[in-house]
C-alpha atoms as a PDB file:
ATOM      1  CA  MET A   1     117.985 128.486  70.670  1.00  0.00           C
ATOM      2  CA  GLY A   2     121.317 129.124  68.949  1.00  0.00           C
ATOM      3  CA  LYS A   3     122.719 127.664  65.755  1.00  0.00           C
ATOM      4  CA  VAL A   4     124.712 124.421  65.669  1.00  0.00           C
ATOM      5  CA  VAL A   5     127.415 123.334  63.195  1.00  0.00           C
ATOM      6  CA  THR A   6     128.676 119.771  62.807  1.00  0.00           C
ATOM      7  CA  PHE A   7     131.747 118.755  60.787  1.00  0.00           C
ATOM      8  CA  GLY A   8     132.661 115.356  59.381  1.00  0.00           C
ATOM      9  CA  GLU A   9     132.164 112.820  56.613  1.00  0.00           C
ATOM     10  CA  ILE A  10     128.903 111.607  55.109  1.00  0.00           C
ATOM     11  CA  MET A  11     129.112 108.243  53.374  1.00  0.00           C
ATOM     12  CA  LEU A  12     127.147 105.927  51.148  1.00  0.00           C
ATOM     13  CA  ARG A  13     125.976 102.934  53.202  1.00  0.00           C
ATOM     14  CA  LEU A  14     125.295  99.691  51.328  1.00  0.00           C
ATOM     15  CA  SER A  15     123.546  96.856  53.183  1.00  0.00           C
ATOM     16  CA  PRO A  16     122.173  93.440  52.230  1.00  0.00           C
ATOM     17  CA  GLN A  17     118.425  93.363  52.759  1.00  0.00           C
ATOM     18  CA  GLY A  18     117.139  92.152  56.103  1.00  0.00           C
ATOM     19  CA  PHE A  19     119.628  89.969  57.936  1.00  0.00           C
ATOM     20  CA  LEU A  20     121.347  88.480  54.874  1.00  0.00           C
ATOM     21  CA  ARG A  21     125.093  87.964  54.940  1.00  0.00           C
ATOM     22  CA  PHE A  22     127.300  89.689  52.370  1.00  0.00           C
ATOM     23  CA  SER A  23     127.771  86.376  50.557  1.00  0.00           C
ATOM     24  CA  GLN A  24     123.993  85.977  50.183  1.00  0.00           C
ATOM     25  CA  ALA A  25     123.300  89.447  48.795  1.00  0.00           C
ATOM     26  CA  ASN A  26     122.215  90.060  45.214  1.00  0.00           C
ATOM     27  CA  ASN A  27     121.449  93.718  45.872  1.00  0.00           C
ATOM     28  CA  PHE A  28     122.065  96.359  48.532  1.00  0.00           C
ATOM     29  CA  ASP A  29     119.887  98.935  50.257  1.00  0.00           C
ATOM     30  CA  VAL A  30     121.228 102.493  49.955  1.00  0.00           C
ATOM     31  CA  VAL A  31     121.436 104.934  52.866  1.00  0.00           C
ATOM     32  CA  TYR A  32     123.526 108.082  53.349  1.00  0.00           C
ATOM     33  CA  GLY A  33     124.946 108.790  56.769  1.00  0.00           C
ATOM     34  CA  GLY A  34     127.884 109.430  59.051  1.00  0.00           C
ATOM     35  CA  GLY A  35     128.547 110.417  62.653  1.00  0.00           C
ATOM     36  CA  GLU A  36     128.278 114.181  62.387  1.00  0.00           C
ATOM     37  CA  SER A  37     125.640 114.192  59.646  1.00  0.00           C
ATOM     38  CA  ASN A  38     123.475 111.923  61.808  1.00  0.00           C
ATOM     39  CA  VAL A  39     123.745 114.389  64.696  1.00  0.00           C
ATOM     40  CA  ALA A  40     122.750 117.207  62.352  1.00  0.00           C
ATOM     41  CA  VAL A  41     119.648 115.328  61.159  1.00  0.00           C
ATOM     42  CA  SER A  42     118.550 114.664  64.743  1.00  0.00           C
ATOM     43  CA  LEU A  43     118.862 118.337  65.610  1.00  0.00           C
ATOM     44  CA  ALA A  44     116.984 119.428  62.489  1.00  0.00           C
ATOM     45  CA  ASN A  45     114.136 117.071  63.445  1.00  0.00           C
ATOM     46  CA  TYR A  46     113.974 118.820  66.821  1.00  0.00           C
ATOM     47  CA  GLY A  47     113.675 122.216  65.146  1.00  0.00           C
ATOM     48  CA  VAL A  48     117.268 123.357  65.713  1.00  0.00           C
ATOM     49  CA  ASP A  49     118.992 125.571  63.126  1.00  0.00           C
ATOM     50  CA  VAL A  50     121.914 123.357  62.097  1.00  0.00           C
ATOM     51  CA  ASP A  51     124.528 123.295  59.329  1.00  0.00           C
ATOM     52  CA  PHE A  52     126.513 120.243  58.278  1.00  0.00           C
ATOM     53  CA  VAL A  53     129.991 120.976  56.943  1.00  0.00           C
ATOM     54  CA  THR A  54     131.930 118.473  54.870  1.00  0.00           C
ATOM     55  CA  ARG A  55     133.753 118.056  51.547  1.00  0.00           C
ATOM     56  CA  LEU A  56     131.920 116.250  48.749  1.00  0.00           C
ATOM     57  CA  PRO A  57     132.861 115.216  45.229  1.00  0.00           C
ATOM     58  CA  LYS A  58     131.225 117.276  42.518  1.00  0.00           C
ATOM     59  CA  ASN A  59     129.346 114.379  40.966  1.00  0.00           C
ATOM     60  CA  ASP A  60     125.914 112.765  41.116  1.00  0.00           C
ATOM     61  CA  ILE A  61     126.663 110.710  44.236  1.00  0.00           C
ATOM     62  CA  GLY A  62     127.988 113.726  46.104  1.00  0.00           C
ATOM     63  CA  THR A  63     124.849 115.605  45.081  1.00  0.00           C
ATOM     64  CA  CYS A  64     122.666 112.771  46.403  1.00  0.00           C
ATOM     65  CA  ALA A  65     124.417 112.960  49.779  1.00  0.00           C
ATOM     66  CA  MET A  66     123.914 116.724  49.902  1.00  0.00           C
ATOM     67  CA  MET A  67     120.239 116.383  48.939  1.00  0.00           C
ATOM     68  CA  GLU A  68     119.704 113.832  51.715  1.00  0.00           C
ATOM     69  CA  MET A  69     120.838 116.434  54.234  1.00  0.00           C
ATOM     70  CA  ARG A  70     118.819 119.198  52.639  1.00  0.00           C
ATOM     71  CA  LYS A  71     115.573 117.206  52.584  1.00  0.00           C
ATOM     72  CA  ARG A  72     115.987 116.590  56.326  1.00  0.00           C
ATOM     73  CA  GLY A  73     116.186 120.329  56.994  1.00  0.00           C
ATOM     74  CA  VAL A  74     119.956 120.522  57.504  1.00  0.00           C
ATOM     75  CA  GLY A  75     121.836 123.547  56.141  1.00  0.00           C
ATOM     76  CA  VAL A  76     124.196 122.559  53.311  1.00  0.00           C
ATOM     77  CA  ASP A  77     125.442 125.888  51.961  1.00  0.00           C
ATOM     78  CA  LYS A  78     128.760 125.648  53.877  1.00  0.00           C
ATOM     79  CA  ILE A  79     129.722 122.328  52.207  1.00  0.00           C
ATOM     80  CA  VAL A  80     132.839 122.551  50.029  1.00  0.00           C
ATOM     81  CA  TYR A  81     133.405 120.504  46.886  1.00  0.00           C
ATOM     82  CA  GLY A  82     136.375 118.649  45.440  1.00  0.00           C
ATOM     83  CA  GLY A  83     137.952 115.237  45.145  1.00  0.00           C
ATOM     84  CA  ASN A  84     136.722 112.259  43.171  1.00  0.00           C
ATOM     85  CA  ARG A  85     134.614 110.023  45.372  1.00  0.00           C
ATOM     86  CA  LEU A  86     132.294 109.648  48.325  1.00  0.00           C
ATOM     87  CA  GLY A  87     133.335 107.272  51.081  1.00  0.00           C
ATOM     88  CA  ILE A  88     131.417 103.980  51.263  1.00  0.00           C
ATOM     89  CA  TYR A  89     130.765 101.485  54.005  1.00  0.00           C
ATOM     90  CA  PHE A  90     129.120  98.093  53.803  1.00  0.00           C
ATOM     91  CA  LEU A  91     126.938  96.924  56.706  1.00  0.00           C
ATOM     92  CA  GLU A  92     125.924  93.337  57.412  1.00  0.00           C
ATOM     93  CA  THR A  93     123.220  93.414  60.078  1.00  0.00           C
ATOM     94  CA  GLY A  94     123.604  90.804  62.794  1.00  0.00           C
ATOM     95  CA  ALA A  95     120.926  88.996  64.761  1.00  0.00           C
ATOM     96  CA  VAL A  96     120.734  87.127  68.070  1.00  0.00           C
ATOM     97  CA  SER A  97     124.288  85.821  68.729  1.00  0.00           C
ATOM     98  CA  ARG A  98     125.759  86.993  65.401  1.00  0.00           C
ATOM     99  CA  GLY A  99     127.051  90.547  65.593  1.00  0.00           C
ATOM    100  CA  SER A 100     126.843  93.119  62.831  1.00  0.00           C
ATOM    101  CA  LYS A 101     129.843  93.635  60.577  1.00  0.00           C
ATOM    102  CA  VAL A 102     131.190  96.771  58.870  1.00  0.00           C
ATOM    103  CA  VAL A 103     133.601  96.954  55.918  1.00  0.00           C
ATOM    104  CA  TYR A 104     134.970 100.396  55.031  1.00  0.00           C
ATOM    105  CA  ASP A 105     135.799 101.644  51.548  1.00  0.00           C
ATOM    106  CA  ARG A 106     136.624 105.276  52.217  1.00  0.00           C
ATOM    107  CA  ALA A 107     140.287 105.684  51.257  1.00  0.00           C
ATOM    108  CA  HIS A 108     140.891 108.753  49.052  1.00  0.00           C
ATOM    109  CA  SER A 109     137.372 110.045  49.648  1.00  0.00           C
ATOM    110  CA  ALA A 110     136.751 113.758  49.148  1.00  0.00           C
ATOM    111  CA  ILE A 111     137.074 114.571  52.836  1.00  0.00           C
ATOM    112  CA  ALA A 112     140.046 112.233  53.317  1.00  0.00           C
ATOM    113  CA  GLU A 113     141.919 114.500  50.917  1.00  0.00           C
ATOM    114  CA  ILE A 114     140.835 117.759  52.545  1.00  0.00           C
ATOM    115  CA  LYS A 115     143.616 120.219  53.403  1.00  0.00           C
ATOM    116  CA  SER A 116     144.059 123.119  55.792  1.00  0.00           C
ATOM    117  CA  GLY A 117     142.614 126.352  54.438  1.00  0.00           C
ATOM    118  CA  MET A 118     139.895 124.747  52.325  1.00  0.00           C
ATOM    119  CA  ILE A 119     137.171 125.817  54.782  1.00  0.00           C
ATOM    120  CA  ASN A 120     136.790 129.406  55.976  1.00  0.00           C
ATOM    121  CA  TRP A 121     135.928 128.663  59.587  1.00  0.00           C
ATOM    122  CA  ASP A 122     135.532 132.308  60.519  1.00  0.00           C
ATOM    123  CA  THR A 123     132.628 132.531  58.063  1.00  0.00           C
ATOM    124  CA  VAL A 124     131.195 129.089  58.824  1.00  0.00           C
ATOM    125  CA  LEU A 125     131.106 129.755  62.572  1.00  0.00           C
ATOM    126  CA  ASP A 126     129.704 133.290  62.403  1.00  0.00           C
ATOM    127  CA  GLY A 127     126.693 133.521  64.739  1.00  0.00           C
ATOM    128  CA  VAL A 128     127.047 129.883  65.860  1.00  0.00           C
ATOM    129  CA  GLU A 129     126.441 128.756  69.464  1.00  0.00           C
ATOM    130  CA  TRP A 130     127.610 125.127  69.308  1.00  0.00           C
ATOM    131  CA  PHE A 131     130.189 123.190  67.246  1.00  0.00           C
ATOM    132  CA  HIS A 132     130.366 119.379  67.168  1.00  0.00           C
ATOM    133  CA  TRP A 133     132.941 116.913  65.835  1.00  0.00           C
ATOM    134  CA  THR A 134     133.691 113.237  66.483  1.00  0.00           C
ATOM    135  CA  GLY A 135     136.815 111.109  66.783  1.00  0.00           C
ATOM    136  CA  ILE A 136     135.976 109.565  63.413  1.00  0.00           C
ATOM    137  CA  THR A 137     136.975 112.709  61.508  1.00  0.00           C
ATOM    138  CA  PRO A 138     140.648 112.956  62.606  1.00  0.00           C
ATOM    139  CA  ALA A 139     140.935 109.180  62.081  1.00  0.00           C
ATOM    140  CA  ILE A 140     140.190 109.539  58.372  1.00  0.00           C
ATOM    141  CA  SER A 141     143.452 111.265  57.412  1.00  0.00           C
ATOM    142  CA  LYS A 142     146.057 113.753  58.597  1.00  0.00           C
ATOM    143  CA  GLY A 143     144.395 116.414  56.463  1.00  0.00           C
ATOM    144  CA  ALA A 144     141.025 115.812  58.113  1.00  0.00           C
ATOM    145  CA  ALA A 145     142.672 115.972  61.550  1.00  0.00           C
ATOM    146  CA  ASP A 146     144.375 119.259  60.642  1.00  0.00           C
ATOM    147  CA  VAL A 147     141.119 120.828  59.433  1.00  0.00           C
ATOM    148  CA  CYS A 148     139.301 119.590  62.541  1.00  0.00           C
ATOM    149  CA  LEU A 149     141.968 121.298  64.662  1.00  0.00           C
ATOM    150  CA  GLU A 150     141.459 124.525  62.686  1.00  0.00           C
ATOM    151  CA  ALA A 151     137.745 124.286  63.466  1.00  0.00           C
ATOM    152  CA  VAL A 152     137.998 123.729  67.224  1.00  0.00           C
ATOM    153  CA  LYS A 153     140.568 126.520  67.559  1.00  0.00           C
ATOM    154  CA  ALA A 154     138.331 128.916  65.641  1.00  0.00           C
ATOM    155  CA  ALA A 155     135.268 127.890  67.652  1.00  0.00           C
ATOM    156  CA  SER A 156     137.152 128.286  70.922  1.00  0.00           C
ATOM    157  CA  ALA A 157     138.332 131.760  69.916  1.00  0.00           C
ATOM    158  CA  LYS A 158     134.719 132.778  69.265  1.00  0.00           C
ATOM    159  CA  GLY A 159     133.502 131.451  72.624  1.00  0.00           C
ATOM    160  CA  ILE A 160     131.432 128.714  70.974  1.00  0.00           C
ATOM    161  CA  THR A 161     130.566 125.593  72.960  1.00  0.00           C
ATOM    162  CA  VAL A 162     132.552 122.684  71.502  1.00  0.00           C
ATOM    163  CA  SER A 163     131.488 119.049  71.889  1.00  0.00           C
ATOM    164  CA  THR A 164     132.911 115.725  70.786  1.00  0.00           C
ATOM    165  CA  ASP A 165     131.921 112.097  70.657  1.00  0.00           C
ATOM    166  CA  LEU A 166     135.290 110.335  70.971  1.00  0.00           C
ATOM    167  CA  ASN A 167     134.163 107.419  68.755  1.00  0.00           C
ATOM    168  CA  TYR A 168     137.262 105.199  68.588  1.00  0.00           C
ATOM    169  CA  ARG A 169     137.431 103.291  65.284  1.00  0.00           C
ATOM    170  CA  ALA A 170     140.382 100.894  65.129  1.00  0.00           C
ATOM    171  CA  LYS A 171     139.918 100.217  61.396  1.00  0.00           C
ATOM    172  CA  LEU A 172     140.319 103.904  60.502  1.00  0.00           C
ATOM    173  CA  TRP A 173     143.471 104.954  62.366  1.00  0.00           C
ATOM    174  CA  THR A 174     145.981 103.746  59.773  1.00  0.00           C
ATOM    175  CA  TYR A 175     148.128 106.797  59.011  1.00  0.00           C
ATOM    176  CA  CYS A 176     149.812 107.073  62.413  1.00  0.00           C
ATOM    177  CA  ASP A 177     150.866 104.972  65.389  1.00  0.00           C
ATOM    178  CA  ASP A 178     149.131 104.845  68.781  1.00  0.00           C
ATOM    179  CA  SER A 179     151.273 107.513  70.429  1.00  0.00           C
ATOM    180  CA  HIS A 180     150.644 109.966  67.592  1.00  0.00           C
ATOM    181  CA  ARG A 181     146.915 109.174  67.684  1.00  0.00           C
ATOM    182  CA  GLU A 182     146.794 109.920  71.395  1.00  0.00           C
ATOM    183  CA  LYS A 183     148.593 113.214  70.815  1.00  0.00           C
ATOM    184  CA  ILE A 184     146.133 114.228  68.067  1.00  0.00           C
ATOM    185  CA  MET A 185     143.067 113.329  70.104  1.00  0.00           C
ATOM    186  CA  THR A 186     144.408 114.940  73.267  1.00  0.00           C
ATOM    187  CA  GLU A 187     144.994 118.257  71.512  1.00  0.00           C
ATOM    188  CA  LEU A 188     141.585 118.237  69.831  1.00  0.00           C
ATOM    189  CA  THR A 189     139.720 117.215  72.988  1.00  0.00           C
ATOM    190  CA  SER A 190     141.467 119.923  75.010  1.00  0.00           C
ATOM    191  CA  TYR A 191     139.240 122.475  73.233  1.00  0.00           C
ATOM    192  CA  CYS A 192     136.007 120.696  74.212  1.00  0.00           C
ATOM    193  CA  ASP A 193     133.419 121.775  76.765  1.00  0.00           C
ATOM    194  CA  VAL A 194     131.297 118.619  76.445  1.00  0.00           C
ATOM    195  CA  VAL A 195     132.885 115.180  75.997  1.00  0.00           C
ATOM    196  CA  LEU A 196     130.980 111.992  75.208  1.00  0.00           C
ATOM    197  CA  GLY A 197     132.655 108.604  75.176  1.00  0.00           C
ATOM    198  CA  ASN A 198     132.312 105.084  76.450  1.00  0.00           C
ATOM    199  CA  GLU A 199     134.911 103.094  78.365  1.00  0.00           C
ATOM    200  CA  GLU A 200     136.582 101.813  75.173  1.00  0.00           C
ATOM    201  CA  ASP A 201     136.965 105.331  73.766  1.00  0.00           C
ATOM    202  CA  ALA A 202     138.604 106.550  76.988  1.00  0.00           C
ATOM    203  CA  GLU A 203     140.906 103.549  77.177  1.00  0.00           C
ATOM    204  CA  LYS A 204     141.996 103.436  73.531  1.00  0.00           C
ATOM    205  CA  HIS A 205     142.494 107.177  73.089  1.00  0.00           C
ATOM    206  CA  PHE A 206     143.884 108.162  76.484  1.00  0.00           C
ATOM    207  CA  GLY A 207     144.678 105.014  78.482  1.00  0.00           C
ATOM    208  CA  ILE A 208     141.836 105.784  80.910  1.00  0.00           C
ATOM    209  CA  HIS A 209     139.743 102.883  82.199  1.00  0.00           C
ATOM    210  CA  PRO A 210     137.251 102.192  85.009  1.00  0.00           C
ATOM    211  CA  GLU A 211     139.109 101.592  88.236  1.00  0.00           C
ATOM    212  CA  GLY A 212     138.707  98.040  89.536  1.00  0.00           C
ATOM    213  CA  LEU A 213     136.464  96.860  86.702  1.00  0.00           C
ATOM    214  CA  ASP A 214     136.854  94.945  83.447  1.00  0.00           C
ATOM    215  CA  VAL A 215     133.677  95.893  81.585  1.00  0.00           C
ATOM    216  CA  HIS A 216     134.271  93.179  78.998  1.00  0.00           C
ATOM    217  CA  LYS A 217     133.706  90.551  81.703  1.00  0.00           C
ATOM    218  CA  HIS A 218     130.449  92.051  82.934  1.00  0.00           C
ATOM    219  CA  GLY A 219     128.395  91.505  79.776  1.00  0.00           C
ATOM    220  CA  HIS A 220     125.088  93.309  80.017  1.00  0.00           C
ATOM    221  CA  ASP A 221     125.359  93.984  83.757  1.00  0.00           C
ATOM    222  CA  VAL A 222     126.796  97.495  83.373  1.00  0.00           C
ATOM    223  CA  LYS A 223     126.684  99.649  86.513  1.00  0.00           C
ATOM    224  CA  ALA A 224     126.820 103.425  86.227  1.00  0.00           C
ATOM    225  CA  GLU A 225     128.898 103.830  89.390  1.00  0.00           C
ATOM    226  CA  ALA A 226     131.790 101.978  87.766  1.00  0.00           C
ATOM    227  CA  PHE A 227     132.290 104.831  85.297  1.00  0.00           C
ATOM    228  CA  LEU A 228     132.527 107.675  87.795  1.00  0.00           C
ATOM    229  CA  SER A 229     136.287 107.137  87.886  1.00  0.00           C
ATOM    230  CA  VAL A 230     136.436 107.448  84.081  1.00  0.00           C
ATOM    231  CA  CYS A 231     134.560 110.750  84.192  1.00  0.00           C
ATOM    232  CA  LYS A 232     136.824 112.110  86.932  1.00  0.00           C
ATOM    233  CA  GLN A 233     139.980 111.051  85.088  1.00  0.00           C
ATOM    234  CA  MET A 234     138.693 112.673  81.907  1.00  0.00           C
ATOM    235  CA  MET A 235     138.046 115.952  83.706  1.00  0.00           C
ATOM    236  CA  ASP A 236     141.507 115.845  85.268  1.00  0.00           C
ATOM    237  CA  LYS A 237     143.023 115.415  81.815  1.00  0.00           C
ATOM    238  CA  PHE A 238     140.782 117.992  80.137  1.00  0.00           C
ATOM    239  CA  PRO A 239     140.134 120.840  82.612  1.00  0.00           C
ATOM    240  CA  ARG A 240     138.110 122.820  80.048  1.00  0.00           C
ATOM    241  CA  ALA A 241     135.447 120.095  79.969  1.00  0.00           C
ATOM    242  CA  LYS A 242     132.339 121.088  81.911  1.00  0.00           C
ATOM    243  CA  LYS A 243     130.490 117.833  81.331  1.00  0.00           C
ATOM    244  CA  VAL A 244     131.698 114.291  80.662  1.00  0.00           C
ATOM    245  CA  ILE A 245     129.090 111.819  79.487  1.00  0.00           C
ATOM    246  CA  THR A 246     129.175 108.063  79.097  1.00  0.00           C
ATOM    247  CA  THR A 247     126.658 105.818  77.378  1.00  0.00           C
ATOM    248  CA  LEU A 248     126.067 102.461  79.028  1.00  0.00           C
ATOM    249  CA  ARG A 249     125.267  99.751  76.509  1.00  0.00           C
ATOM    250  CA  GLY A 250     124.847  96.206  77.732  1.00  0.00           C
ATOM    251  CA  SER A 251     124.890  93.653  74.916  1.00  0.00           C
ATOM    252  CA  ILE A 252     122.741  90.656  75.771  1.00  0.00           C
ATOM    253  CA  SER A 253     122.671  89.755  72.078  1.00  0.00           C
ATOM    254  CA  ALA A 254     122.793  91.519  68.719  1.00  0.00           C
ATOM    255  CA  SER A 255     119.011  91.829  68.949  1.00  0.00           C
ATOM    256  CA  HIS A 256     118.697  92.781  72.625  1.00  0.00           C
ATOM    257  CA  ASN A 257     120.646  95.550  74.339  1.00  0.00           C
ATOM    258  CA  THR A 258     120.266  97.509  77.535  1.00  0.00           C
ATOM    259  CA  TRP A 259     120.779 101.256  77.232  1.00  0.00           C
ATOM    260  CA  ALA A 260     121.370 104.053  79.721  1.00  0.00           C
ATOM    261  CA  GLY A 261     123.604 107.075  80.286  1.00  0.00           C
ATOM    262  CA  VAL A 262     125.664 108.933  82.861  1.00  0.00           C
ATOM    263  CA  LEU A 263     126.622 112.625  83.003  1.00  0.00           C
ATOM    264  CA  TYR A 264     129.229 114.068  85.371  1.00  0.00           C
ATOM    265  CA  ASP A 265     129.527 117.840  85.836  1.00  0.00           C
ATOM    266  CA  GLY A 266     132.545 117.810  88.140  1.00  0.00           C
ATOM    267  CA  LYS A 267     130.423 117.686  91.267  1.00  0.00           C
ATOM    268  CA  LYS A 268     127.502 115.377  90.693  1.00  0.00           C
ATOM    269  CA  MET A 269     126.895 112.254  88.617  1.00  0.00           C
ATOM    270  CA  TYR A 270     123.518 112.051  86.905  1.00  0.00           C
ATOM    271  CA  GLU A 271     122.152 108.680  85.842  1.00  0.00           C
ATOM    272  CA  THR A 272     119.189 107.668  83.666  1.00  0.00           C
ATOM    273  CA  ARG A 273     116.854 104.721  83.876  1.00  0.00           C
ATOM    274  CA  GLN A 274     117.950 101.618  81.978  1.00  0.00           C
ATOM    275  CA  TYR A 275     115.972 100.777  78.843  1.00  0.00           C
ATOM    276  CA  GLN A 276     115.561  97.258  77.533  1.00  0.00           C
ATOM    277  CA  ILE A 277     115.858  97.468  73.735  1.00  0.00           C
ATOM    278  CA  THR A 278     114.592  94.222  72.257  1.00  0.00           C
ATOM    279  CA  ASP A 279     114.152  93.243  68.603  1.00  0.00           C
ATOM    280  CA  ILE A 280     116.576  95.941  67.461  1.00  0.00           C
ATOM    281  CA  VAL A 281     115.848  97.212  63.948  1.00  0.00           C
ATOM    282  CA  ASP A 282     119.125  99.101  63.429  1.00  0.00           C
ATOM    283  CA  ARG A 283     121.654 100.049  66.108  1.00  0.00           C
ATOM    284  CA  VAL A 284     123.971 101.957  63.743  1.00  0.00           C
ATOM    285  CA  GLY A 285     123.809 105.634  64.667  1.00  0.00           C
ATOM    286  CA  GLY A 286     122.699 104.909  68.230  1.00  0.00           C
ATOM    287  CA  GLY A 287     125.518 106.962  69.712  1.00  0.00           C
ATOM    288  CA  ASP A 288     124.953 109.758  67.203  1.00  0.00           C
ATOM    289  CA  SER A 289     121.274 109.907  68.133  1.00  0.00           C
ATOM    290  CA  PHE A 290     122.304 110.128  71.784  1.00  0.00           C
ATOM    291  CA  MET A 291     124.628 113.042  70.969  1.00  0.00           C
ATOM    292  CA  GLY A 292     121.945 114.825  68.948  1.00  0.00           C
ATOM    293  CA  GLY A 293     119.512 114.420  71.817  1.00  0.00           C
ATOM    294  CA  LEU A 294     122.105 115.573  74.323  1.00  0.00           C
ATOM    295  CA  ILE A 295     122.946 118.765  72.415  1.00  0.00           C
ATOM    296  CA  TYR A 296     119.241 119.533  72.071  1.00  0.00           C
ATOM    297  CA  GLY A 297     118.688 118.794  75.748  1.00  0.00           C
ATOM    298  CA  LEU A 298     121.570 120.939  76.959  1.00  0.00           C
ATOM    299  CA  LEU A 299     120.443 123.833  74.756  1.00  0.00           C
ATOM    300  CA  THR A 300     116.789 123.452  75.785  1.00  0.00           C
ATOM    301  CA  TYR A 301     117.299 122.726  79.487  1.00  0.00           C
ATOM    302  CA  PRO A 302     120.553 124.578  80.270  1.00  0.00           C
ATOM    303  CA  GLU A 303     119.954 124.384  84.023  1.00  0.00           C
ATOM    304  CA  ASP A 304     118.668 120.805  84.107  1.00  0.00           C
ATOM    305  CA  ASP A 305     121.342 118.236  83.224  1.00  0.00           C
ATOM    306  CA  GLN A 306     119.132 115.359  84.355  1.00  0.00           C
ATOM    307  CA  ASN A 307     116.391 116.279  81.905  1.00  0.00           C
ATOM    308  CA  ALA A 308     118.910 116.768  79.106  1.00  0.00           C
ATOM    309  CA  LEU A 309     120.428 113.358  79.770  1.00  0.00           C
ATOM    310  CA  ASP A 310     117.027 111.685  79.994  1.00  0.00           C
ATOM    311  CA  PHE A 311     116.078 113.205  76.626  1.00  0.00           C
ATOM    312  CA  ALA A 312     119.293 111.924  75.018  1.00  0.00           C
ATOM    313  CA  VAL A 313     118.820 108.355  76.240  1.00  0.00           C
ATOM    314  CA  ALA A 314     115.155 108.211  75.262  1.00  0.00           C
ATOM    315  CA  ALA A 315     115.946 109.636  71.809  1.00  0.00           C
ATOM    316  CA  SER A 316     118.650 107.078  71.171  1.00  0.00           C
ATOM    317  CA  CYS A 317     116.449 104.281  72.475  1.00  0.00           C
ATOM    318  CA  LEU A 318     113.918 105.183  69.790  1.00  0.00           C
ATOM    319  CA  LYS A 319     116.644 105.285  67.133  1.00  0.00           C
ATOM    320  CA  HIS A 320     117.113 101.531  67.520  1.00  0.00           C
ATOM    321  CA  THR A 321     113.627 101.128  65.999  1.00  0.00           C
ATOM    322  CA  ILE A 322     114.487 103.048  62.814  1.00  0.00           C
ATOM    323  CA  LYS A 323     116.244 101.669  59.741  1.00  0.00           C
ATOM    324  CA  GLY A 324     119.161 103.743  58.503  1.00  0.00           C
ATOM    325  CA  ASP A 325     121.880 105.857  60.077  1.00  0.00           C
ATOM    326  CA  ALA A 326     119.841 108.857  61.201  1.00  0.00           C
ATOM    327  CA  ASN A 327     117.271 109.258  63.969  1.00  0.00           C
ATOM    328  CA  LEU A 328     113.981 110.410  62.467  1.00  0.00           C
ATOM    329  CA  VAL A 329     111.965 111.059  65.620  1.00  0.00           C
ATOM    330  CA  THR A 330     110.287 114.177  66.952  1.00  0.00           C
ATOM    331  CA  VAL A 331     110.543 115.952  70.273  1.00  0.00           C
ATOM    332  CA  SER A 332     107.026 114.841  71.216  1.00  0.00           C
ATOM    333  CA  GLU A 333     107.869 111.184  70.523  1.00  0.00           C
ATOM    334  CA  VAL A 334     110.960 111.414  72.721  1.00  0.00           C
ATOM    335  CA  GLU A 335     109.068 113.163  75.507  1.00  0.00           C
ATOM    336  CA  LYS A 336     106.363 110.499  75.345  1.00  0.00           C
ATOM    337  CA  LEU A 337     108.940 107.777  76.015  1.00  0.00           C
ATOM    338  CA  MET A 338     110.579 109.921  78.708  1.00  0.00           C
ATOM    339  CA  GLY A 339     107.190 110.073  80.387  1.00  0.00           C
ATOM    340  CA  GLY A 340     107.055 106.291  80.579  1.00  0.00           C
ATOM    341  CA  ASP A 341     104.856 105.457  77.587  1.00  0.00           C
ATOM    342  CA  ALA A 342     106.684 102.684  75.728  1.00  0.00           C
ATOM    343  CA  SER A 343     103.497 100.997  74.528  1.00  0.00           C
ATOM    344  CA  GLY A 344     104.076 101.663  70.834  1.00  0.00           C
ATOM    345  CA  ARG A 345     100.318 102.058  70.331  1.00  0.00           C
ATOM    346  CA  VAL A 346      99.029 103.525  67.092  1.00  0.00           C
ATOM    347  CA  ALA A 347      98.677 107.313  67.186  1.00  0.00           C
ATOM    348  CA  ARG A 348      95.308 108.197  65.606  1.00  0.00           C
END
């Protein structure tokens, strides 16, 4: 199996303990994580050779973030250093009918101030088979968007498979208007072979939406067939894309979600079983765990998209049982759930 590189921001996550509100907190739990770093951790857990590339401040907090990646088996020698601070986000975990809440504090972070030329992509991507980025990175700043564009161009020139999770974040896109954002995301996505995104990502970034359906009015009753039109429209817009994938999350409450996935290869739509995820421990990083599982699945089962998709959904289902940003499960645990064993019995 070839080497994978992911590029993006890793942040310090601060959360009140349990289900406390911000106003009730006297202390915060500390976790390090971010979209692309979470994908890297998943892949390392599955035994994949993976590097995480970012820009960190040369201080104790930046070192802690780097060490978190290193202890999980992720390569960190391509990280560059500079700037004054690590980005932070605060998470208030919701329950039942109260949704979770995120407050960002990542302005002027090390990666937000990254500039073109700071990363030697020819060196970073030498011998690499797969490169992954998310829509969070170009949302951080113009500099981050420019460096992301450098990366996808370099990866494309080397014949490397490029994937993205479109990950629309309204609170982050502050440096440009909607038309400029669409232009940035369209150019970046045009270099991608594998595109993951839900209906909101497609609508907000590209004005693409399910034909004849308002998903916001369907609650947890999400039907896979409704998103075939989204996949087809995405492939029409991005002819390089070989696979378009959509996650199907139905939100019954903050503590109970349904979870499934769809993959379209231009000819056939593959669909997974729907999982009932009750008593959610932590849903942050659910999409990242899906992407990590999908990359592993597509690399492991290159001729079996159904198996790859099933692996991704089962992996991300398990992530909802794990506190923190990253998915800390093994291949055997995922395959056990894929096989239908959701008993949660003690392994002795």
